[in-house]
Amino acid sequence: MSGHSKWSTIKRQKGLTDSRRSAVFTKLGRLITVAARLGGGDPNMNFRLRLAIDQAKSANLPNDNIERAVKAGTGADKDAHTKDVLYEGFGPGGAAVMVEAVTDNSNRISNEVRNVFTKHGGSLGSQHSVGWMFVLRGVIRAPLAADRAKREAQELALIDAGAEDVREEDEQLVAITTPDNLSKVRAALTGSVEADVEYIPTTTTVIDEPTRLKLHGLLEALEALDDVTRVTSNED
């Protein structure tokens, strides 16, 4: 996997300032609201909602906030017009960039995303301009077991559960599966496990170091937008 395929805003949440943490909490609440509206308010029956709640809890979002976000998605007026939006564009060096957002104002976030692309030497593309370079997959991450035999047992369990690929990456055990099979593969592991549905590049772009720094500036600026929930690039 390449680029910012994981929502790094959440990964860095422990070191956030109060204002930054508030922005992350807002993003998480919107994810929960949309998930609840699309699939119902029971996380046992709505796996997307369960993933959103798991992310929220890992970022220490208070339970009251989680409950309010679920209620907002299942009938309250608050955030009634919130929806998922997806933007595609090109970063420095021609890297493909996917931007996922949850918003109640499509015009506002469209302008914000376009301005960030332009400011950082990229360009916002049309629908399907780069999406064909990515596939939507379920991704499970767990800490690597210290014991090699246990690690191999985990890998076999994931494969038996239907994982398409299992690898070791950044001191983690990473399994890739189809979105529909994510819940089953996730259940093959116990303990501290992260699971999400992400865009994974099928083809990557090699860029030099100066261009890489510019690309990362673009990705981080996009992630900083209030409505953006994840940014993915195909940088190698």
C-alpha atoms as a PDB file:
ATOM      1  CA  MET A   1       0.000   0.000   0.000  1.00  0.00           C
ATOM      2  CA  SER A   2       1.211   3.478  -0.778  1.00  0.00           C
ATOM      3  CA  GLY A   3       0.858   7.086   0.229  1.00  0.00           C
ATOM      4  CA  HIS A   4      -1.584   8.143   2.930  1.00  0.00           C
ATOM      5  CA  SER A   5      -3.774   5.057   2.578  1.00  0.00           C
ATOM      6  CA  LYS A   6      -4.507   5.103   6.306  1.00  0.00           C
ATOM      7  CA  TRP A   7      -6.281   8.036   7.875  1.00  0.00           C
ATOM      8  CA  SER A   8      -3.118   9.480   9.395  1.00  0.00           C
ATOM      9  CA  THR A   9      -5.055  12.202  11.182  1.00  0.00           C
ATOM     10  CA  ILE A  10      -6.470   9.508  13.443  1.00  0.00           C
ATOM     11  CA  LYS A  11      -3.157   7.693  13.722  1.00  0.00           C
ATOM     12  CA  ARG A  12      -1.547  10.841  15.126  1.00  0.00           C
ATOM     13  CA  GLN A  13      -4.424  11.733  17.450  1.00  0.00           C
ATOM     14  CA  LYS A  14      -2.512  11.206  20.702  1.00  0.00           C
ATOM     15  CA  GLY A  15      -0.374  14.257  20.079  1.00  0.00           C
ATOM     16  CA  LEU A  16      -3.108  16.593  18.946  1.00  0.00           C
ATOM     17  CA  THR A  17      -3.799  20.008  20.404  1.00  0.00           C
ATOM     18  CA  ASP A  18      -7.288  20.703  21.721  1.00  0.00           C
ATOM     19  CA  SER A  19      -8.336  22.454  18.514  1.00  0.00           C
ATOM     20  CA  ARG A  20      -6.958  19.663  16.340  1.00  0.00           C
ATOM     21  CA  ARG A  21      -8.618  17.033  18.512  1.00  0.00           C
ATOM     22  CA  SER A  22     -11.921  18.861  18.173  1.00  0.00           C
ATOM     23  CA  ALA A  23     -11.602  18.716  14.376  1.00  0.00           C
ATOM     24  CA  VAL A  24     -10.884  14.981  14.502  1.00  0.00           C
ATOM     25  CA  PHE A  25     -13.884  14.429  16.777  1.00  0.00           C
ATOM     26  CA  THR A  26     -16.066  16.310  14.293  1.00  0.00           C
ATOM     27  CA  LYS A  27     -14.871  14.082  11.439  1.00  0.00           C
ATOM     28  CA  LEU A  28     -15.514  10.934  13.462  1.00  0.00           C
ATOM     29  CA  GLY A  29     -18.978  12.066  14.469  1.00  0.00           C
ATOM     30  CA  ARG A  30     -19.908  12.663  10.847  1.00  0.00           C
ATOM     31  CA  LEU A  31     -18.656   9.215   9.853  1.00  0.00           C
ATOM     32  CA  ILE A  32     -20.849   7.659  12.535  1.00  0.00           C
ATOM     33  CA  THR A  33     -23.873   9.731  11.499  1.00  0.00           C
ATOM     34  CA  VAL A  34     -23.614   8.757   7.844  1.00  0.00           C
ATOM     35  CA  ALA A  35     -23.042   5.085   8.689  1.00  0.00           C
ATOM     36  CA  ALA A  36     -26.075   5.038  10.983  1.00  0.00           C
ATOM     37  CA  ARG A  37     -28.282   6.715   8.406  1.00  0.00           C
ATOM     38  CA  LEU A  38     -27.261   4.313   5.634  1.00  0.00           C
ATOM     39  CA  GLY A  39     -27.376   1.058   7.603  1.00  0.00           C
ATOM     40  CA  GLY A  40     -29.252   1.662  10.862  1.00  0.00           C
ATOM     41  CA  GLY A  41     -28.159   2.396  14.391  1.00  0.00           C
ATOM     42  CA  ASP A  42     -27.277  -1.125  15.543  1.00  0.00           C
ATOM     43  CA  PRO A  43     -23.514  -1.723  15.166  1.00  0.00           C
ATOM     44  CA  ASN A  44     -24.114  -5.485  15.422  1.00  0.00           C
ATOM     45  CA  MET A  45     -26.170  -5.302  12.236  1.00  0.00           C
ATOM     46  CA  ASN A  46     -24.302  -2.426  10.557  1.00  0.00           C
ATOM     47  CA  PHE A  47     -20.622  -3.254  10.101  1.00  0.00           C
ATOM     48  CA  ARG A  48     -19.822   0.161   8.664  1.00  0.00           C
ATOM     49  CA  LEU A  49     -21.205   1.745  11.823  1.00  0.00           C
ATOM     50  CA  ARG A  50     -19.195  -0.638  13.977  1.00  0.00           C
ATOM     51  CA  LEU A  51     -15.997   0.351  12.133  1.00  0.00           C
ATOM     52  CA  ALA A  52     -16.784   4.032  12.620  1.00  0.00           C
ATOM     53  CA  ILE A  53     -17.445   3.530  16.333  1.00  0.00           C
ATOM     54  CA  ASP A  54     -14.230   1.519  16.712  1.00  0.00           C
ATOM     55  CA  GLN A  55     -12.283   4.377  15.092  1.00  0.00           C
ATOM     56  CA  ALA A  56     -13.997   6.867  17.378  1.00  0.00           C
ATOM     57  CA  LYS A  57     -13.183   4.906  20.506  1.00  0.00           C
ATOM     58  CA  SER A  58      -9.544   4.493  19.457  1.00  0.00           C
ATOM     59  CA  ALA A  59      -9.379   8.294  19.210  1.00  0.00           C
ATOM     60  CA  ASN A  60     -11.016   8.657  22.657  1.00  0.00           C
ATOM     61  CA  LEU A  61     -14.229  10.215  21.353  1.00  0.00           C
ATOM     62  CA  PRO A  62     -16.566  10.428  24.388  1.00  0.00           C
ATOM     63  CA  ASN A  63     -19.454   7.954  24.483  1.00  0.00           C
ATOM     64  CA  ASP A  64     -21.955  10.822  24.649  1.00  0.00           C
ATOM     65  CA  ASN A  65     -20.643  12.127  21.337  1.00  0.00           C
ATOM     66  CA  ILE A  66     -20.924   8.681  19.781  1.00  0.00           C
ATOM     67  CA  GLU A  67     -24.511   8.277  20.972  1.00  0.00           C
ATOM     68  CA  ARG A  68     -25.500  11.710  19.653  1.00  0.00           C
ATOM     69  CA  ALA A  69     -23.925  10.949  16.274  1.00  0.00           C
ATOM     70  CA  VAL A  70     -25.837   7.650  16.018  1.00  0.00           C
ATOM     71  CA  LYS A  71     -29.111   9.368  16.941  1.00  0.00           C
ATOM     72  CA  ALA A  72     -28.449  12.085  14.379  1.00  0.00           C
ATOM     73  CA  GLY A  73     -28.149   9.411  11.712  1.00  0.00           C
ATOM     74  CA  THR A  74     -31.288   7.529  12.717  1.00  0.00           C
ATOM     75  CA  GLY A  75     -33.811  10.342  12.817  1.00  0.00           C
ATOM     76  CA  ALA A  76     -32.673  13.584  14.435  1.00  0.00           C
ATOM     77  CA  ASP A  77     -32.581  16.726  12.311  1.00  0.00           C
ATOM     78  CA  LYS A  78     -28.935  17.491  13.100  1.00  0.00           C
ATOM     79  CA  ASP A  79     -26.650  16.723  10.117  1.00  0.00           C
ATOM     80  CA  ALA A  80     -29.693  15.471   8.204  1.00  0.00           C
ATOM     81  CA  HIS A  81     -28.078  16.491   4.925  1.00  0.00           C
ATOM     82  CA  THR A  82     -24.631  15.071   5.646  1.00  0.00           C
ATOM     83  CA  LYS A  83     -23.355  12.765   2.913  1.00  0.00           C
ATOM     84  CA  ASP A  84     -20.271  11.034   1.568  1.00  0.00           C
ATOM     85  CA  VAL A  85     -18.389  12.702  -1.284  1.00  0.00           C
ATOM     86  CA  LEU A  86     -15.327  11.550  -3.212  1.00  0.00           C
ATOM     87  CA  TYR A  87     -12.849  13.695  -5.135  1.00  0.00           C
ATOM     88  CA  GLU A  88     -10.130  12.616  -7.543  1.00  0.00           C
ATOM     89  CA  GLY A  89      -7.114  14.593  -8.615  1.00  0.00           C
ATOM     90  CA  PHE A  90      -3.449  14.776  -9.509  1.00  0.00           C
ATOM     91  CA  GLY A  91      -0.658  15.827  -7.185  1.00  0.00           C
ATOM     92  CA  PRO A  92       2.917  16.953  -7.914  1.00  0.00           C
ATOM     93  CA  GLY A  93       4.754  14.456 -10.082  1.00  0.00           C
ATOM     94  CA  GLY A  94       1.491  13.166 -11.517  1.00  0.00           C
ATOM     95  CA  ALA A  95       0.612  11.134  -8.420  1.00  0.00           C
ATOM     96  CA  ALA A  96      -3.044  10.093  -8.282  1.00  0.00           C
ATOM     97  CA  VAL A  97      -4.939  11.317  -5.225  1.00  0.00           C
ATOM     98  CA  MET A  98      -8.290  10.193  -3.814  1.00  0.00           C
ATOM     99  CA  VAL A  99     -10.025  12.431  -1.256  1.00  0.00           C
ATOM    100  CA  GLU A 100     -12.896  11.097   0.849  1.00  0.00           C
ATOM    101  CA  ALA A 101     -15.104  13.523   2.761  1.00  0.00           C
ATOM    102  CA  VAL A 102     -18.318  13.659   4.770  1.00  0.00           C
ATOM    103  CA  THR A 103     -20.054  17.011   4.448  1.00  0.00           C
ATOM    104  CA  ASP A 104     -23.286  18.944   4.756  1.00  0.00           C
ATOM    105  CA  ASN A 105     -22.151  21.473   2.137  1.00  0.00           C
ATOM    106  CA  SER A 106     -20.870  19.978  -1.107  1.00  0.00           C
ATOM    107  CA  ASN A 107     -20.183  23.344  -2.736  1.00  0.00           C
ATOM    108  CA  ARG A 108     -18.012  24.490   0.152  1.00  0.00           C
ATOM    109  CA  ILE A 109     -15.869  21.359   0.361  1.00  0.00           C
ATOM    110  CA  SER A 110     -15.524  21.202  -3.435  1.00  0.00           C
ATOM    111  CA  ASN A 111     -14.102  24.717  -3.485  1.00  0.00           C
ATOM    112  CA  GLU A 112     -11.819  23.987  -0.521  1.00  0.00           C
ATOM    113  CA  VAL A 113     -10.437  20.806  -2.105  1.00  0.00           C
ATOM    114  CA  ARG A 114      -9.905  22.526  -5.458  1.00  0.00           C
ATOM    115  CA  ASN A 115      -8.078  25.436  -3.821  1.00  0.00           C
ATOM    116  CA  VAL A 116      -5.762  23.095  -1.886  1.00  0.00           C
ATOM    117  CA  PHE A 117      -4.879  21.162  -5.034  1.00  0.00           C
ATOM    118  CA  THR A 118      -4.110  24.379  -6.903  1.00  0.00           C
ATOM    119  CA  LYS A 119      -2.084  25.910  -4.054  1.00  0.00           C
ATOM    120  CA  HIS A 120       0.128  22.817  -3.783  1.00  0.00           C
ATOM    121  CA  GLY A 121       0.869  22.292  -7.450  1.00  0.00           C
ATOM    122  CA  GLY A 122      -1.842  19.735  -8.214  1.00  0.00           C
ATOM    123  CA  SER A 123      -5.169  19.750  -9.987  1.00  0.00           C
ATOM    124  CA  LEU A 124      -8.636  18.505  -9.111  1.00  0.00           C
ATOM    125  CA  GLY A 125      -9.791  15.996 -11.723  1.00  0.00           C
ATOM    126  CA  SER A 126     -13.172  14.840 -12.926  1.00  0.00           C
ATOM    127  CA  GLN A 127     -14.999  11.740 -11.747  1.00  0.00           C
ATOM    128  CA  HIS A 128     -13.121   8.538 -12.712  1.00  0.00           C
ATOM    129  CA  SER A 129     -10.020  10.509 -13.711  1.00  0.00           C
ATOM    130  CA  VAL A 130      -7.825   8.520 -11.299  1.00  0.00           C
ATOM    131  CA  GLY A 131     -10.279   6.190  -9.584  1.00  0.00           C
ATOM    132  CA  TRP A 132      -9.473   3.423 -12.039  1.00  0.00           C
ATOM    133  CA  MET A 133      -5.997   3.232 -10.454  1.00  0.00           C
ATOM    134  CA  PHE A 134      -7.476   2.106  -7.111  1.00  0.00           C
ATOM    135  CA  VAL A 135      -9.597  -0.721  -5.753  1.00  0.00           C
ATOM    136  CA  LEU A 136     -11.775  -0.607  -2.659  1.00  0.00           C
ATOM    137  CA  ARG A 137     -10.642  -3.232  -0.164  1.00  0.00           C
ATOM    138  CA  GLY A 138     -11.091  -4.182   3.460  1.00  0.00           C
ATOM    139  CA  VAL A 139      -7.856  -3.705   5.423  1.00  0.00           C
ATOM    140  CA  ILE A 140      -7.097  -5.299   8.796  1.00  0.00           C
ATOM    141  CA  ARG A 141      -4.068  -4.273  10.851  1.00  0.00           C
ATOM    142  CA  ALA A 142      -2.766  -5.900  14.029  1.00  0.00           C
ATOM    143  CA  PRO A 143       0.521  -5.721  15.971  1.00  0.00           C
ATOM    144  CA  LEU A 144       3.065  -8.315  14.908  1.00  0.00           C
ATOM    145  CA  ALA A 145       3.312 -11.201  17.350  1.00  0.00           C
ATOM    146  CA  ALA A 146       6.771 -11.522  18.882  1.00  0.00           C
ATOM    147  CA  ASP A 147       6.736 -15.285  18.436  1.00  0.00           C
ATOM    148  CA  ARG A 148       7.264 -16.384  14.836  1.00  0.00           C
ATOM    149  CA  ALA A 149       5.102 -19.501  15.193  1.00  0.00           C
ATOM    150  CA  LYS A 150       2.198 -17.419  16.517  1.00  0.00           C
ATOM    151  CA  ARG A 151       2.658 -14.963  13.696  1.00  0.00           C
ATOM    152  CA  GLU A 152       2.453 -17.741  11.109  1.00  0.00           C
ATOM    153  CA  ALA A 153      -0.652 -19.117  12.824  1.00  0.00           C
ATOM    154  CA  GLN A 154      -2.278 -15.680  12.572  1.00  0.00           C
ATOM    155  CA  GLU A 155      -1.430 -15.458   8.882  1.00  0.00           C
ATOM    156  CA  LEU A 156      -2.919 -18.890   8.196  1.00  0.00           C
ATOM    157  CA  ALA A 157      -6.078 -17.987  10.117  1.00  0.00           C
ATOM    158  CA  LEU A 158      -6.498 -14.835   8.031  1.00  0.00           C
ATOM    159  CA  ILE A 159      -5.998 -16.741   4.778  1.00  0.00           C
ATOM    160  CA  ASP A 160      -8.474 -19.420   5.863  1.00  0.00           C
ATOM    161  CA  ALA A 161     -10.993 -16.648   6.643  1.00  0.00           C
ATOM    162  CA  GLY A 162     -10.714 -15.359   3.076  1.00  0.00           C
ATOM    163  CA  ALA A 163      -7.922 -12.763   3.070  1.00  0.00           C
ATOM    164  CA  GLU A 164      -6.637 -12.044  -0.431  1.00  0.00           C
ATOM    165  CA  ASP A 165      -3.204 -11.000   0.829  1.00  0.00           C
ATOM    166  CA  VAL A 166      -1.368 -11.037   4.160  1.00  0.00           C
ATOM    167  CA  ARG A 167       1.858  -9.107   4.698  1.00  0.00           C
ATOM    168  CA  GLU A 168       4.100  -7.608   7.352  1.00  0.00           C
ATOM    169  CA  GLU A 169       4.316  -3.838   7.088  1.00  0.00           C
ATOM    170  CA  ASP A 170       5.597  -1.161   9.506  1.00  0.00           C
ATOM    171  CA  GLU A 171       5.706  -3.584  12.443  1.00  0.00           C
ATOM    172  CA  GLN A 172       2.133  -4.639  11.752  1.00  0.00           C
ATOM    173  CA  LEU A 173       0.395  -7.667  10.319  1.00  0.00           C
ATOM    174  CA  VAL A 174      -1.751  -6.432   7.432  1.00  0.00           C
ATOM    175  CA  ALA A 175      -4.490  -8.410   5.712  1.00  0.00           C
ATOM    176  CA  ILE A 176      -6.357  -7.381   2.566  1.00  0.00           C
ATOM    177  CA  THR A 177      -9.820  -8.685   1.688  1.00  0.00           C
ATOM    178  CA  THR A 178     -12.986  -7.683  -0.121  1.00  0.00           C
ATOM    179  CA  PRO A 179     -15.216  -5.176   1.703  1.00  0.00           C
ATOM    180  CA  ASP A 180     -17.997  -7.765   2.021  1.00  0.00           C
ATOM    181  CA  ASN A 181     -15.627 -10.219   3.704  1.00  0.00           C
ATOM    182  CA  LEU A 182     -14.043  -7.710   6.082  1.00  0.00           C
ATOM    183  CA  SER A 183     -16.104  -8.713   9.122  1.00  0.00           C
ATOM    184  CA  LYS A 184     -15.280 -12.411   8.709  1.00  0.00           C
ATOM    185  CA  VAL A 185     -11.549 -11.833   8.252  1.00  0.00           C
ATOM    186  CA  ARG A 186     -11.489  -9.363  11.152  1.00  0.00           C
ATOM    187  CA  ALA A 187     -12.967 -12.047  13.403  1.00  0.00           C
ATOM    188  CA  ALA A 188      -9.984 -14.325  12.707  1.00  0.00           C
ATOM    189  CA  LEU A 189      -7.836 -12.170  14.995  1.00  0.00           C
ATOM    190  CA  THR A 190      -8.196 -11.299  18.656  1.00  0.00           C
ATOM    191  CA  GLY A 191      -6.763  -8.454  20.670  1.00  0.00           C
ATOM    192  CA  SER A 192      -5.921  -4.995  19.344  1.00  0.00           C
ATOM    193  CA  VAL A 193      -7.045  -4.981  15.714  1.00  0.00           C
ATOM    194  CA  GLU A 194      -7.882  -2.114  13.337  1.00  0.00           C
ATOM    195  CA  ALA A 195     -10.228  -2.686  10.411  1.00  0.00           C
ATOM    196  CA  ASP A 196     -11.439  -0.324   7.718  1.00  0.00           C
ATOM    197  CA  VAL A 197     -12.441  -0.080   4.060  1.00  0.00           C
ATOM    198  CA  GLU A 198      -9.823   1.820   2.051  1.00  0.00           C
ATOM    199  CA  TYR A 199      -8.817   2.658  -1.490  1.00  0.00           C
ATOM    200  CA  ILE A 200      -5.652   0.768  -2.399  1.00  0.00           C
ATOM    201  CA  PRO A 201      -3.619   1.697  -5.501  1.00  0.00           C
ATOM    202  CA  THR A 202      -3.252  -0.958  -8.181  1.00  0.00           C
ATOM    203  CA  THR A 203      -0.496   1.008  -9.903  1.00  0.00           C
ATOM    204  CA  THR A 204       2.039   3.315  -8.274  1.00  0.00           C
ATOM    205  CA  THR A 205       3.948   6.426  -9.320  1.00  0.00           C
ATOM    206  CA  VAL A 206       7.647   6.930  -8.555  1.00  0.00           C
ATOM    207  CA  ILE A 207       8.631  10.530  -7.818  1.00  0.00           C
ATOM    208  CA  ASP A 208      11.869  12.188  -6.690  1.00  0.00           C
ATOM    209  CA  GLU A 209      12.448  13.508  -3.169  1.00  0.00           C
ATOM    210  CA  PRO A 210      11.742  17.239  -3.800  1.00  0.00           C
ATOM    211  CA  THR A 211       8.484  16.320  -5.528  1.00  0.00           C
ATOM    212  CA  ARG A 212       7.639  13.875  -2.739  1.00  0.00           C
ATOM    213  CA  LEU A 213       7.859  16.692  -0.188  1.00  0.00           C
ATOM    214  CA  LYS A 214       5.480  18.806  -2.269  1.00  0.00           C
ATOM    215  CA  LEU A 215       3.070  15.876  -2.586  1.00  0.00           C
ATOM    216  CA  HIS A 216       3.094  15.261   1.159  1.00  0.00           C
ATOM    217  CA  GLY A 217       2.357  18.955   1.703  1.00  0.00           C
ATOM    218  CA  LEU A 218      -0.707  18.564  -0.514  1.00  0.00           C
ATOM    219  CA  LEU A 219      -1.872  15.418   1.258  1.00  0.00           C
ATOM    220  CA  GLU A 220      -1.487  16.953   4.698  1.00  0.00           C
ATOM    221  CA  ALA A 221      -3.310  20.132   3.652  1.00  0.00           C
ATOM    222  CA  LEU A 222      -6.190  18.045   2.313  1.00  0.00           C
ATOM    223  CA  GLU A 223      -6.336  16.005   5.532  1.00  0.00           C
ATOM    224  CA  ALA A 224      -6.517  19.232   7.537  1.00  0.00           C
ATOM    225  CA  LEU A 225      -9.822  20.233   5.899  1.00  0.00           C
ATOM    226  CA  ASP A 226     -12.655  19.797   8.375  1.00  0.00           C
ATOM    227  CA  ASP A 227     -14.848  17.639   6.125  1.00  0.00           C
ATOM    228  CA  VAL A 228     -12.092  15.384   4.741  1.00  0.00           C
ATOM    229  CA  THR A 229     -11.923  11.946   6.362  1.00  0.00           C
ATOM    230  CA  ARG A 230      -9.186  10.186   4.378  1.00  0.00           C
ATOM    231  CA  VAL A 231      -6.664  10.972   1.657  1.00  0.00           C
ATOM    232  CA  THR A 232      -4.986   8.267  -0.447  1.00  0.00           C
ATOM    233  CA  SER A 233      -2.255   8.567  -3.058  1.00  0.00           C
ATOM    234  CA  ASN A 234      -0.533   6.079  -5.333  1.00  0.00           C
ATOM    235  CA  GLU A 235       2.928   7.377  -4.528  1.00  0.00           C
ATOM    236  CA  ASP A 236       5.486   4.558  -4.484  1.00  0.00           C
END
